[in-house]
Amino acid sequence: MTLRDALRAAAEDVRAHTDRVPKVALVLGSGLGAFADTLEDAVVVPYEQIRGIPQAKVAGHAGNLVIGRKEGVECVAMQGRNHLYEGHSPDDVVFGLRLMIHLGAEYVLITNAAGGIGADLEVGDLMVITDQINLTGQNPLIGPNDDELGPRFVDMTQTYDLELAGLAEKSAEELGFAMKHGVYVGVLGPSYETPAEIRYFQQIGGGSVGMSTVLEVIAARHMGARILGISCITNKASGLGDEETLTHEEVQENAAEARGRFVSLLGGILAKLA
């Protein structure tokens, strides 16, 4: 089955539940999936009912596709994502995002829980992703290209949309806080980085680090979507904080503490897109 055929089959599964056409696609990272619970008139489709999307198995990733309305904007949200470190292929990792764009989404708001590398980043900060460094060693565009989905060679010069970043800045200002900025470093995982690796990431310009996002963004660019990326800083990266050890439970707890501000920020951005 070709990628286009797989997307059509998955879209049929979703449209068996609803025929609504989303404008905005949201990918919600660890501990941030609660935003989907705020969508109005929501239709929830578990991944297990959609052909082509593997089950989300990481704690903090519910594993649902949610279609609903927020601030007058039709949205489709992934509550949880799949990761390379679970053994998934790059194609599987990005399939859910490709599906949301195939369903009609023109804008992608992609989020993650990340470790803070930049000196100005503190736990709880929200960081606009200005660019990315893909250190996973993988790329979802390897293999035959379908020219109807996107070009063989994708320009990544302006990966993240400046206008959408401006909407995030303005929304944060209206809520009384300032967005931080930085380059997201995507790594394979699942082990956390060593202090030596973090020092290297600092030298190459990294602002935050995590185990997702970079492949999804490449796929979204391939399909022509406009992209806003936001990292929720849930811990200081290895060797930079006071913690002797890093745990996924800590990441989830700190993401939960930032949830209210995060939900308000996304609501403000969607209101401006409306």
C-alpha atoms as a PDB file:
ATOM      1  CA  MET A   1       0.000   0.000   0.000  1.00  0.00           C
ATOM      2  CA  THR A   2       1.319   3.442  -0.921  1.00  0.00           C
ATOM      3  CA  LEU A   3       1.444   6.273   1.606  1.00  0.00           C
ATOM      4  CA  ARG A   4      -1.372   8.040  -0.227  1.00  0.00           C
ATOM      5  CA  ASP A   5      -3.533   4.908  -0.065  1.00  0.00           C
ATOM      6  CA  ALA A   6      -2.763   4.525   3.655  1.00  0.00           C
ATOM      7  CA  LEU A   7      -3.788   8.132   4.306  1.00  0.00           C
ATOM      8  CA  ARG A   8      -7.039   7.632   2.400  1.00  0.00           C
ATOM      9  CA  ALA A   9      -7.836   4.512   4.426  1.00  0.00           C
ATOM     10  CA  ALA A  10      -7.117   6.273   7.724  1.00  0.00           C
ATOM     11  CA  ALA A  11      -9.198   9.276   6.652  1.00  0.00           C
ATOM     12  CA  GLU A  12     -12.119   6.930   5.927  1.00  0.00           C
ATOM     13  CA  ASP A  13     -11.863   5.614   9.493  1.00  0.00           C
ATOM     14  CA  VAL A  14     -11.962   9.143  10.907  1.00  0.00           C
ATOM     15  CA  ARG A  15     -14.804  10.255   8.619  1.00  0.00           C
ATOM     16  CA  ALA A  16     -16.848   7.314   9.813  1.00  0.00           C
ATOM     17  CA  HIS A  17     -17.079   9.341  13.046  1.00  0.00           C
ATOM     18  CA  THR A  18     -17.245  12.899  11.663  1.00  0.00           C
ATOM     19  CA  ASP A  19     -16.985  14.759   8.363  1.00  0.00           C
ATOM     20  CA  ARG A  20     -15.737  18.008   9.891  1.00  0.00           C
ATOM     21  CA  VAL A  21     -12.728  19.595   8.173  1.00  0.00           C
ATOM     22  CA  PRO A  22     -10.064  20.938  10.556  1.00  0.00           C
ATOM     23  CA  LYS A  23      -8.106  24.101   9.942  1.00  0.00           C
ATOM     24  CA  VAL A  24      -5.500  23.565  12.662  1.00  0.00           C
ATOM     25  CA  ALA A  25      -3.667  20.384  13.649  1.00  0.00           C
ATOM     26  CA  LEU A  26      -2.286  20.093  17.170  1.00  0.00           C
ATOM     27  CA  VAL A  27       0.303  17.587  18.373  1.00  0.00           C
ATOM     28  CA  LEU A  28       0.251  17.493  22.170  1.00  0.00           C
ATOM     29  CA  GLY A  29       3.331  16.207  23.977  1.00  0.00           C
ATOM     30  CA  SER A  30       3.912  14.519  27.333  1.00  0.00           C
ATOM     31  CA  GLY A  31       1.522  15.846  29.983  1.00  0.00           C
ATOM     32  CA  LEU A  32       0.041  18.404  27.571  1.00  0.00           C
ATOM     33  CA  GLY A  33      -2.758  16.330  26.067  1.00  0.00           C
ATOM     34  CA  ALA A  34      -5.312  17.924  28.393  1.00  0.00           C
ATOM     35  CA  PHE A  35      -5.677  20.766  25.895  1.00  0.00           C
ATOM     36  CA  ALA A  36      -7.701  18.436  23.697  1.00  0.00           C
ATOM     37  CA  ASP A  37     -10.183  18.089  26.569  1.00  0.00           C
ATOM     38  CA  THR A  38     -11.019  21.799  26.163  1.00  0.00           C
ATOM     39  CA  LEU A  39     -12.191  21.397  22.557  1.00  0.00           C
ATOM     40  CA  GLU A  40     -15.913  22.043  22.154  1.00  0.00           C
ATOM     41  CA  ASP A  41     -18.347  19.629  20.498  1.00  0.00           C
ATOM     42  CA  ALA A  42     -15.495  17.133  20.418  1.00  0.00           C
ATOM     43  CA  VAL A  43     -15.395  13.783  18.637  1.00  0.00           C
ATOM     44  CA  VAL A  44     -12.817  11.378  20.104  1.00  0.00           C
ATOM     45  CA  VAL A  45     -11.412   8.599  17.917  1.00  0.00           C
ATOM     46  CA  PRO A  46      -8.967   6.193  19.644  1.00  0.00           C
ATOM     47  CA  TYR A  47      -5.885   5.405  17.595  1.00  0.00           C
ATOM     48  CA  GLU A  48      -6.844   1.728  17.662  1.00  0.00           C
ATOM     49  CA  GLN A  49      -9.798   2.584  15.420  1.00  0.00           C
ATOM     50  CA  ILE A  50      -7.645   4.306  12.784  1.00  0.00           C
ATOM     51  CA  ARG A  51      -5.694   2.207  10.341  1.00  0.00           C
ATOM     52  CA  GLY A  52      -2.001   3.142  10.178  1.00  0.00           C
ATOM     53  CA  ILE A  53      -1.593   4.863  13.565  1.00  0.00           C
ATOM     54  CA  PRO A  54       0.286   2.704  16.094  1.00  0.00           C
ATOM     55  CA  GLN A  55      -0.878   2.659  19.710  1.00  0.00           C
ATOM     56  CA  ALA A  56       0.660   5.332  21.963  1.00  0.00           C
ATOM     57  CA  LYS A  57       2.336   3.477  24.830  1.00  0.00           C
ATOM     58  CA  VAL A  58       4.283   6.160  26.711  1.00  0.00           C
ATOM     59  CA  ALA A  59       2.866   7.480  29.993  1.00  0.00           C
ATOM     60  CA  GLY A  60       1.264  10.886  29.465  1.00  0.00           C
ATOM     61  CA  HIS A  61       0.200  10.075  25.884  1.00  0.00           C
ATOM     62  CA  ALA A  62      -3.487   9.107  25.823  1.00  0.00           C
ATOM     63  CA  GLY A  63      -3.640   7.822  22.249  1.00  0.00           C
ATOM     64  CA  ASN A  64      -6.664   9.615  20.769  1.00  0.00           C
ATOM     65  CA  LEU A  65      -7.430  11.753  17.754  1.00  0.00           C
ATOM     66  CA  VAL A  66      -9.793  14.510  18.884  1.00  0.00           C
ATOM     67  CA  ILE A  67     -11.726  16.735  16.473  1.00  0.00           C
ATOM     68  CA  GLY A  68     -13.469  19.765  17.928  1.00  0.00           C
ATOM     69  CA  ARG A  69     -13.737  23.534  17.999  1.00  0.00           C
ATOM     70  CA  LYS A  70     -11.763  26.084  20.010  1.00  0.00           C
ATOM     71  CA  GLU A  71     -12.180  29.852  19.764  1.00  0.00           C
ATOM     72  CA  GLY A  72     -14.315  29.298  16.671  1.00  0.00           C
ATOM     73  CA  VAL A  73     -11.587  27.318  14.886  1.00  0.00           C
ATOM     74  CA  GLU A  74     -12.033  23.718  13.766  1.00  0.00           C
ATOM     75  CA  CYS A  75      -9.152  21.713  15.213  1.00  0.00           C
ATOM     76  CA  VAL A  76      -7.867  18.167  15.155  1.00  0.00           C
ATOM     77  CA  ALA A  77      -5.536  17.133  17.972  1.00  0.00           C
ATOM     78  CA  MET A  78      -3.295  14.170  18.617  1.00  0.00           C
ATOM     79  CA  GLN A  79      -3.447  13.292  22.303  1.00  0.00           C
ATOM     80  CA  GLY A  80      -0.106  11.550  22.416  1.00  0.00           C
ATOM     81  CA  ARG A  81       2.386  10.608  19.744  1.00  0.00           C
ATOM     82  CA  ASN A  82       4.625   7.723  18.775  1.00  0.00           C
ATOM     83  CA  HIS A  83       8.395   7.808  19.090  1.00  0.00           C
ATOM     84  CA  LEU A  84      11.360   6.243  17.336  1.00  0.00           C
ATOM     85  CA  TYR A  85      12.627   4.810  20.630  1.00  0.00           C
ATOM     86  CA  GLU A  86       9.520   2.621  20.893  1.00  0.00           C
ATOM     87  CA  GLY A  87      10.718   0.799  17.788  1.00  0.00           C
ATOM     88  CA  HIS A  88       8.477   2.618  15.314  1.00  0.00           C
ATOM     89  CA  SER A  89       9.700   3.518  11.850  1.00  0.00           C
ATOM     90  CA  PRO A  90       9.981   7.185  10.828  1.00  0.00           C
ATOM     91  CA  ASP A  91       6.909   6.674   8.608  1.00  0.00           C
ATOM     92  CA  ASP A  92       4.871   5.454  11.599  1.00  0.00           C
ATOM     93  CA  VAL A  93       6.087   8.323  13.788  1.00  0.00           C
ATOM     94  CA  VAL A  94       4.800  10.970  11.356  1.00  0.00           C
ATOM     95  CA  PHE A  95       1.710   9.178  10.061  1.00  0.00           C
ATOM     96  CA  GLY A  96      -0.717  10.792  12.498  1.00  0.00           C
ATOM     97  CA  LEU A  97       0.476  14.271  11.600  1.00  0.00           C
ATOM     98  CA  ARG A  98       0.296  13.489   7.885  1.00  0.00           C
ATOM     99  CA  LEU A  99      -3.263  12.267   8.432  1.00  0.00           C
ATOM    100  CA  MET A 100      -4.332  15.518  10.126  1.00  0.00           C
ATOM    101  CA  ILE A 101      -2.963  17.538   7.195  1.00  0.00           C
ATOM    102  CA  HIS A 102      -4.636  15.132   4.766  1.00  0.00           C
ATOM    103  CA  LEU A 103      -7.928  15.775   6.595  1.00  0.00           C
ATOM    104  CA  GLY A 104      -7.573  19.467   5.732  1.00  0.00           C
ATOM    105  CA  ALA A 105      -5.382  21.149   8.343  1.00  0.00           C
ATOM    106  CA  GLU A 106      -3.352  24.076   6.987  1.00  0.00           C
ATOM    107  CA  TYR A 107      -1.638  25.012  10.243  1.00  0.00           C
ATOM    108  CA  VAL A 108       0.308  22.741  12.602  1.00  0.00           C
ATOM    109  CA  LEU A 109       0.822  23.665  16.258  1.00  0.00           C
ATOM    110  CA  ILE A 110       3.317  21.110  17.534  1.00  0.00           C
ATOM    111  CA  THR A 111       4.299  20.902  21.184  1.00  0.00           C
ATOM    112  CA  ASN A 112       6.663  18.899  23.333  1.00  0.00           C
ATOM    113  CA  ALA A 113       7.970  18.521  26.841  1.00  0.00           C
ATOM    114  CA  ALA A 114      11.674  19.315  26.677  1.00  0.00           C
ATOM    115  CA  GLY A 115      14.803  19.740  28.702  1.00  0.00           C
ATOM    116  CA  GLY A 116      16.101  23.291  28.920  1.00  0.00           C
ATOM    117  CA  ILE A 117      19.590  23.911  27.547  1.00  0.00           C
ATOM    118  CA  GLY A 118      19.568  27.690  27.135  1.00  0.00           C
ATOM    119  CA  ALA A 119      20.875  29.688  30.086  1.00  0.00           C
ATOM    120  CA  ASP A 120      17.694  31.783  30.179  1.00  0.00           C
ATOM    121  CA  LEU A 121      15.342  28.782  30.378  1.00  0.00           C
ATOM    122  CA  GLU A 122      13.713  27.734  33.647  1.00  0.00           C
ATOM    123  CA  VAL A 123      11.331  24.896  34.456  1.00  0.00           C
ATOM    124  CA  GLY A 124       7.819  25.941  33.434  1.00  0.00           C
ATOM    125  CA  ASP A 125       8.923  28.277  30.643  1.00  0.00           C
ATOM    126  CA  LEU A 126       7.262  28.045  27.227  1.00  0.00           C
ATOM    127  CA  MET A 127       9.708  28.364  24.347  1.00  0.00           C
ATOM    128  CA  VAL A 128       8.921  29.240  20.743  1.00  0.00           C
ATOM    129  CA  ILE A 129      10.974  26.918  18.563  1.00  0.00           C
ATOM    130  CA  THR A 130      12.870  29.067  16.075  1.00  0.00           C
ATOM    131  CA  ASP A 131      14.666  26.207  14.301  1.00  0.00           C
ATOM    132  CA  GLN A 132      15.613  22.580  14.834  1.00  0.00           C
ATOM    133  CA  ILE A 133      18.562  20.209  14.740  1.00  0.00           C
ATOM    134  CA  ASN A 134      17.730  16.619  13.833  1.00  0.00           C
ATOM    135  CA  LEU A 135      20.168  14.300  15.615  1.00  0.00           C
ATOM    136  CA  THR A 136      17.974  11.197  15.416  1.00  0.00           C
ATOM    137  CA  GLY A 137      19.804   9.859  12.376  1.00  0.00           C
ATOM    138  CA  GLN A 138      16.399   9.350  10.714  1.00  0.00           C
ATOM    139  CA  ASN A 139      14.282  11.161   8.140  1.00  0.00           C
ATOM    140  CA  PRO A 140      10.660  10.368   7.163  1.00  0.00           C
ATOM    141  CA  LEU A 141      11.304  11.355   3.543  1.00  0.00           C
ATOM    142  CA  ILE A 142      13.749   8.534   2.828  1.00  0.00           C
ATOM    143  CA  GLY A 143      12.447   6.216   0.124  1.00  0.00           C
ATOM    144  CA  PRO A 144      10.186   6.805  -2.903  1.00  0.00           C
ATOM    145  CA  ASN A 145       8.590  10.251  -3.020  1.00  0.00           C
ATOM    146  CA  ASP A 146       4.948  10.921  -3.883  1.00  0.00           C
ATOM    147  CA  ASP A 147       4.986  14.224  -5.749  1.00  0.00           C
ATOM    148  CA  GLU A 148       1.298  14.750  -4.985  1.00  0.00           C
ATOM    149  CA  LEU A 149       2.102  14.868  -1.258  1.00  0.00           C
ATOM    150  CA  GLY A 150       5.181  17.068  -1.542  1.00  0.00           C
ATOM    151  CA  PRO A 151       8.482  17.702  -3.365  1.00  0.00           C
ATOM    152  CA  ARG A 152      11.404  15.275  -3.418  1.00  0.00           C
ATOM    153  CA  PHE A 153      13.727  17.874  -1.865  1.00  0.00           C
ATOM    154  CA  VAL A 154      12.105  19.981   0.855  1.00  0.00           C
ATOM    155  CA  ASP A 155      13.393  23.456   1.692  1.00  0.00           C
ATOM    156  CA  MET A 156      13.970  23.832   5.442  1.00  0.00           C
ATOM    157  CA  THR A 157      15.313  27.388   5.405  1.00  0.00           C
ATOM    158  CA  GLN A 158      12.301  28.853   7.242  1.00  0.00           C
ATOM    159  CA  THR A 159      10.904  25.721   8.859  1.00  0.00           C
ATOM    160  CA  TYR A 160       8.935  27.447  11.606  1.00  0.00           C
ATOM    161  CA  ASP A 161       6.477  30.144  10.551  1.00  0.00           C
ATOM    162  CA  LEU A 162       7.435  33.659  11.676  1.00  0.00           C
ATOM    163  CA  GLU A 163       3.863  34.958  11.556  1.00  0.00           C
ATOM    164  CA  LEU A 164       2.610  32.136  13.793  1.00  0.00           C
ATOM    165  CA  ALA A 165       5.513  32.763  16.167  1.00  0.00           C
ATOM    166  CA  GLY A 166       4.403  36.393  16.339  1.00  0.00           C
ATOM    167  CA  LEU A 167       0.877  35.303  17.287  1.00  0.00           C
ATOM    168  CA  ALA A 168       2.346  33.226  20.120  1.00  0.00           C
ATOM    169  CA  GLU A 169       4.399  36.201  21.307  1.00  0.00           C
ATOM    170  CA  LYS A 170       1.379  38.500  21.324  1.00  0.00           C
ATOM    171  CA  SER A 171      -0.845  35.935  23.054  1.00  0.00           C
ATOM    172  CA  ALA A 172       1.737  35.393  25.796  1.00  0.00           C
ATOM    173  CA  GLU A 173       2.102  39.141  26.282  1.00  0.00           C
ATOM    174  CA  GLU A 174      -1.669  39.472  26.720  1.00  0.00           C
ATOM    175  CA  LEU A 175      -1.533  36.709  29.337  1.00  0.00           C
ATOM    176  CA  GLY A 176       1.204  38.504  31.258  1.00  0.00           C
ATOM    177  CA  PHE A 177       4.313  36.477  30.469  1.00  0.00           C
ATOM    178  CA  ALA A 178       7.060  36.416  27.865  1.00  0.00           C
ATOM    179  CA  MET A 179       7.775  33.552  25.516  1.00  0.00           C
ATOM    180  CA  LYS A 180      11.335  32.306  25.403  1.00  0.00           C
ATOM    181  CA  HIS A 181      13.051  31.383  22.118  1.00  0.00           C
ATOM    182  CA  GLY A 182      15.432  28.680  21.064  1.00  0.00           C
ATOM    183  CA  VAL A 183      16.501  25.898  18.737  1.00  0.00           C
ATOM    184  CA  TYR A 184      15.053  22.449  19.468  1.00  0.00           C
ATOM    185  CA  VAL A 185      17.461  19.521  19.370  1.00  0.00           C
ATOM    186  CA  GLY A 186      15.727  16.249  18.494  1.00  0.00           C
ATOM    187  CA  VAL A 187      17.455  13.070  19.706  1.00  0.00           C
ATOM    188  CA  LEU A 188      16.616   9.389  19.473  1.00  0.00           C
ATOM    189  CA  GLY A 189      16.295   8.476  23.181  1.00  0.00           C
ATOM    190  CA  PRO A 190      15.028   6.801  25.263  1.00  0.00           C
ATOM    191  CA  SER A 191      18.001   7.417  27.546  1.00  0.00           C
ATOM    192  CA  TYR A 192      18.354  10.979  28.751  1.00  0.00           C
ATOM    193  CA  GLU A 193      21.383  12.867  27.518  1.00  0.00           C
ATOM    194  CA  THR A 194      24.718  12.865  29.285  1.00  0.00           C
ATOM    195  CA  PRO A 195      26.169  16.132  30.629  1.00  0.00           C
ATOM    196  CA  ALA A 196      28.833  15.916  27.899  1.00  0.00           C
ATOM    197  CA  GLU A 197      26.157  15.658  25.217  1.00  0.00           C
ATOM    198  CA  ILE A 198      24.341  18.668  26.657  1.00  0.00           C
ATOM    199  CA  ARG A 199      27.568  20.682  26.579  1.00  0.00           C
ATOM    200  CA  TYR A 200      27.904  19.712  22.910  1.00  0.00           C
ATOM    201  CA  PHE A 201      24.305  20.769  22.222  1.00  0.00           C
ATOM    202  CA  GLN A 202      25.076  24.145  23.818  1.00  0.00           C
ATOM    203  CA  GLN A 203      28.064  24.577  21.511  1.00  0.00           C
ATOM    204  CA  ILE A 204      25.989  23.895  18.378  1.00  0.00           C
ATOM    205  CA  GLY A 205      23.264  26.348  19.420  1.00  0.00           C
ATOM    206  CA  GLY A 206      20.645  24.142  21.081  1.00  0.00           C
ATOM    207  CA  GLY A 207      18.011  25.742  23.308  1.00  0.00           C
ATOM    208  CA  SER A 208      15.913  22.725  24.288  1.00  0.00           C
ATOM    209  CA  VAL A 209      16.203  18.985  23.777  1.00  0.00           C
ATOM    210  CA  GLY A 210      13.694  16.174  23.428  1.00  0.00           C
ATOM    211  CA  MET A 211      12.835  12.883  21.748  1.00  0.00           C
ATOM    212  CA  SER A 212      10.137  13.994  19.296  1.00  0.00           C
ATOM    213  CA  THR A 213       9.008  16.774  16.938  1.00  0.00           C
ATOM    214  CA  VAL A 214      11.832  16.976  14.378  1.00  0.00           C
ATOM    215  CA  LEU A 215      10.564  14.176  12.116  1.00  0.00           C
ATOM    216  CA  GLU A 216       6.961  15.399  12.352  1.00  0.00           C
ATOM    217  CA  VAL A 217       8.046  18.898  11.360  1.00  0.00           C
ATOM    218  CA  ILE A 218       9.925  17.570   8.327  1.00  0.00           C
ATOM    219  CA  ALA A 219       6.789  15.679   7.232  1.00  0.00           C
ATOM    220  CA  ALA A 220       4.595  18.749   7.801  1.00  0.00           C
ATOM    221  CA  ARG A 221       6.942  20.892   5.699  1.00  0.00           C
ATOM    222  CA  HIS A 222       6.855  18.221   2.999  1.00  0.00           C
ATOM    223  CA  MET A 223       3.057  18.562   2.815  1.00  0.00           C
ATOM    224  CA  GLY A 224       3.140  22.364   2.798  1.00  0.00           C
ATOM    225  CA  ALA A 225       1.705  23.118   6.260  1.00  0.00           C
ATOM    226  CA  ARG A 226       2.607  26.228   8.240  1.00  0.00           C
ATOM    227  CA  ILE A 227       4.213  25.286  11.551  1.00  0.00           C
ATOM    228  CA  LEU A 228       4.429  26.713  15.060  1.00  0.00           C
ATOM    229  CA  GLY A 229       6.502  24.767  17.571  1.00  0.00           C
ATOM    230  CA  ILE A 230       6.418  25.251  21.352  1.00  0.00           C
ATOM    231  CA  SER A 231       8.562  23.507  23.950  1.00  0.00           C
ATOM    232  CA  CYS A 232       7.314  23.297  27.528  1.00  0.00           C
ATOM    233  CA  ILE A 233      10.495  23.261  29.602  1.00  0.00           C
ATOM    234  CA  THR A 234       9.905  20.499  32.137  1.00  0.00           C
ATOM    235  CA  ASN A 235      13.438  20.102  33.473  1.00  0.00           C
ATOM    236  CA  LYS A 236      16.911  21.515  33.234  1.00  0.00           C
ATOM    237  CA  ALA A 237      18.921  19.336  30.880  1.00  0.00           C
ATOM    238  CA  SER A 238      21.422  16.891  32.338  1.00  0.00           C
ATOM    239  CA  GLY A 239      24.191  18.572  34.294  1.00  0.00           C
ATOM    240  CA  LEU A 240      22.528  21.993  34.306  1.00  0.00           C
ATOM    241  CA  GLY A 241      20.094  21.648  37.209  1.00  0.00           C
ATOM    242  CA  ASP A 242      20.130  20.609  40.849  1.00  0.00           C
ATOM    243  CA  GLU A 243      18.591  17.181  40.215  1.00  0.00           C
ATOM    244  CA  GLU A 244      20.881  14.197  40.635  1.00  0.00           C
ATOM    245  CA  THR A 245      18.661  12.109  38.335  1.00  0.00           C
ATOM    246  CA  LEU A 246      16.059  12.831  35.642  1.00  0.00           C
ATOM    247  CA  THR A 247      12.788  10.888  35.492  1.00  0.00           C
ATOM    248  CA  HIS A 248       9.780  10.784  33.184  1.00  0.00           C
ATOM    249  CA  GLU A 249       7.536  11.246  36.231  1.00  0.00           C
ATOM    250  CA  GLU A 250       9.229  14.569  36.915  1.00  0.00           C
ATOM    251  CA  VAL A 251       8.661  15.608  33.300  1.00  0.00           C
ATOM    252  CA  GLN A 252       4.944  14.793  33.579  1.00  0.00           C
ATOM    253  CA  GLU A 253       4.572  16.601  36.913  1.00  0.00           C
ATOM    254  CA  ASN A 254       6.238  19.781  35.658  1.00  0.00           C
ATOM    255  CA  ALA A 255       4.207  19.694  32.435  1.00  0.00           C
ATOM    256  CA  ALA A 256       1.037  19.429  34.540  1.00  0.00           C
ATOM    257  CA  GLU A 257       2.056  22.509  36.541  1.00  0.00           C
ATOM    258  CA  ALA A 258       2.497  24.502  33.329  1.00  0.00           C
ATOM    259  CA  ARG A 259      -0.763  23.178  31.847  1.00  0.00           C
ATOM    260  CA  GLY A 260      -2.981  26.157  32.726  1.00  0.00           C
ATOM    261  CA  ARG A 261      -0.711  28.698  31.099  1.00  0.00           C
ATOM    262  CA  PHE A 262      -0.130  26.386  28.149  1.00  0.00           C
ATOM    263  CA  VAL A 263      -3.876  25.902  27.542  1.00  0.00           C
ATOM    264  CA  SER A 264      -4.464  29.659  27.772  1.00  0.00           C
ATOM    265  CA  LEU A 265      -1.644  30.337  25.317  1.00  0.00           C
ATOM    266  CA  LEU A 266      -2.958  27.910  22.708  1.00  0.00           C
ATOM    267  CA  GLY A 267      -6.438  29.372  23.124  1.00  0.00           C
ATOM    268  CA  GLY A 268      -5.084  32.842  22.491  1.00  0.00           C
ATOM    269  CA  ILE A 269      -3.232  31.717  19.373  1.00  0.00           C
ATOM    270  CA  LEU A 270      -6.328  30.005  17.985  1.00  0.00           C
ATOM    271  CA  ALA A 271      -8.433  33.109  18.666  1.00  0.00           C
ATOM    272  CA  LYS A 272      -6.054  35.130  16.518  1.00  0.00           C
ATOM    273  CA  LEU A 273      -6.094  32.523  13.751  1.00  0.00           C
ATOM    274  CA  ALA A 274      -9.889  32.745  13.731  1.00  0.00           C
END
